C-alpha atoms as a PDB file:
ATOM      1  CA  MET A   1     -69.625   0.203   2.397  1.00  0.00           C
ATOM      2  CA  ALA A   2     -68.599  -3.408   2.722  1.00  0.00           C
ATOM      3  CA  ILE A   3     -67.217  -5.195   5.736  1.00  0.00           C
ATOM      4  CA  ILE A   4     -65.428  -8.385   4.754  1.00  0.00           C
ATOM      5  CA  VAL A   5     -65.163 -11.194   7.312  1.00  0.00           C
ATOM      6  CA  ASN A   6     -61.879 -13.072   6.979  1.00  0.00           C
ATOM      7  CA  LEU A   7     -62.649 -15.638   9.650  1.00  0.00           C
ATOM      8  CA  ASP A   8     -62.040 -18.555   7.300  1.00  0.00           C
ATOM      9  CA  VAL A   9     -58.602 -17.169   6.430  1.00  0.00           C
ATOM     10  CA  MET A  10     -57.594 -16.896  10.090  1.00  0.00           C
ATOM     11  CA  MET A  11     -58.961 -20.362  10.834  1.00  0.00           C
ATOM     12  CA  ALA A  12     -56.908 -21.796   7.969  1.00  0.00           C
ATOM     13  CA  LYS A  13     -53.757 -19.993   9.170  1.00  0.00           C
ATOM     14  CA  ARG A  14     -54.274 -21.461  12.651  1.00  0.00           C
ATOM     15  CA  LYS A  15     -55.301 -24.870  11.248  1.00  0.00           C
ATOM     16  CA  MET A  16     -58.504 -24.766  13.290  1.00  0.00           C
ATOM     17  CA  SER A  17     -61.796 -26.336  12.269  1.00  0.00           C
ATOM     18  CA  LEU A  18     -65.220 -24.774  12.655  1.00  0.00           C
ATOM     19  CA  ASN A  19     -66.081 -27.402  15.284  1.00  0.00           C
ATOM     20  CA  GLU A  20     -62.945 -26.662  17.302  1.00  0.00           C
ATOM     21  CA  LEU A  21     -63.480 -22.889  17.175  1.00  0.00           C
ATOM     22  CA  SER A  22     -67.135 -23.323  18.124  1.00  0.00           C
ATOM     23  CA  ALA A  23     -66.146 -25.336  21.194  1.00  0.00           C
ATOM     24  CA  LYS A  24     -63.465 -22.832  22.250  1.00  0.00           C
ATOM     25  CA  VAL A  25     -65.650 -19.756  21.723  1.00  0.00           C
ATOM     26  CA  GLY A  26     -68.878 -21.227  23.044  1.00  0.00           C
ATOM     27  CA  ILE A  27     -71.203 -20.313  20.185  1.00  0.00           C
ATOM     28  CA  THR A  28     -73.200 -22.648  17.991  1.00  0.00           C
ATOM     29  CA  LEU A  29     -71.888 -23.992  14.713  1.00  0.00           C
ATOM     30  CA  SER A  30     -74.749 -22.336  12.835  1.00  0.00           C
ATOM     31  CA  ASN A  31     -74.022 -18.883  14.282  1.00  0.00           C
ATOM     32  CA  LEU A  32     -70.309 -19.294  13.635  1.00  0.00           C
ATOM     33  CA  SER A  33     -71.049 -20.405  10.082  1.00  0.00           C
ATOM     34  CA  ILE A  34     -73.227 -17.329   9.499  1.00  0.00           C
ATOM     35  CA  LEU A  35     -70.359 -15.144  10.686  1.00  0.00           C
ATOM     36  CA  LYS A  36     -67.795 -17.054   8.624  1.00  0.00           C
ATOM     37  CA  THR A  37     -69.784 -16.688   5.395  1.00  0.00           C
ATOM     38  CA  GLY A  38     -70.210 -12.948   5.930  1.00  0.00           C
ATOM     39  CA  LYS A  39     -73.998 -13.136   6.301  1.00  0.00           C
ATOM     40  CA  ALA A  40     -74.040 -11.800   9.863  1.00  0.00           C
ATOM     41  CA  LYS A  41     -75.442  -8.320  10.357  1.00  0.00           C
ATOM     42  CA  ALA A  42     -73.716  -7.770  13.710  1.00  0.00           C
ATOM     43  CA  ILE A  43     -71.269  -9.303  16.166  1.00  0.00           C
ATOM     44  CA  ARG A  44     -71.046  -8.763  19.891  1.00  0.00           C
ATOM     45  CA  PHE A  45     -67.728  -7.468  21.148  1.00  0.00           C
ATOM     46  CA  GLU A  46     -67.559 -10.326  23.672  1.00  0.00           C
ATOM     47  CA  THR A  47     -67.921 -12.828  20.801  1.00  0.00           C
ATOM     48  CA  LEU A  48     -65.272 -11.031  18.766  1.00  0.00           C
ATOM     49  CA  GLU A  49     -62.996 -11.005  21.811  1.00  0.00           C
ATOM     50  CA  ALA A  50     -63.495 -14.759  22.342  1.00  0.00           C
ATOM     51  CA  ILE A  51     -62.744 -15.483  18.677  1.00  0.00           C
ATOM     52  CA  CYS A  52     -59.595 -13.346  18.805  1.00  0.00           C
ATOM     53  CA  LEU A  53     -58.484 -15.114  21.975  1.00  0.00           C
ATOM     54  CA  ALA A  54     -59.078 -18.566  20.443  1.00  0.00           C
ATOM     55  CA  LEU A  55     -57.301 -17.667  17.190  1.00  0.00           C
ATOM     56  CA  ASN A  56     -54.601 -15.535  18.841  1.00  0.00           C
ATOM     57  CA  CYS A  57     -55.267 -12.595  16.525  1.00  0.00           C
ATOM     58  CA  GLN A  58     -56.545  -9.008  16.434  1.00  0.00           C
ATOM     59  CA  PRO A  59     -60.058  -7.907  15.356  1.00  0.00           C
ATOM     60  CA  GLY A  60     -58.479  -6.323  12.268  1.00  0.00           C
ATOM     61  CA  ASP A  61     -57.239  -9.761  11.223  1.00  0.00           C
ATOM     62  CA  ILE A  62     -60.856 -10.932  11.030  1.00  0.00           C
ATOM     63  CA  LEU A  63     -62.743  -7.826   9.882  1.00  0.00           C
ATOM     64  CA  GLU A  64     -61.786  -5.705   6.888  1.00  0.00           C
ATOM     65  CA  TYR A  65     -63.398  -2.591   5.407  1.00  0.00           C
ATOM     66  CA  VAL A  66     -63.535  -2.320   1.625  1.00  0.00           C
ATOM     67  CA  ALA A  67     -64.957   0.838   0.026  1.00  0.00           C
ATOM     68  CA  ASP A  68     -67.542   0.359  -2.721  1.00  0.00           C
END
């Protein structure tokens, strides 16, 4: 099972930098970077909600399931 994080794709579509998203969401650059690179093991729903609000998207736009 693989969950792919497409945060960088959504940020590019919205022309938003990591610094700008970090400021809007209220999480550190390092934590956002870990999420963006797909190295995160979990994400809080409130964080996911804040990211979706900042990027004006749905959770499915950021997270994708790909079978092995």
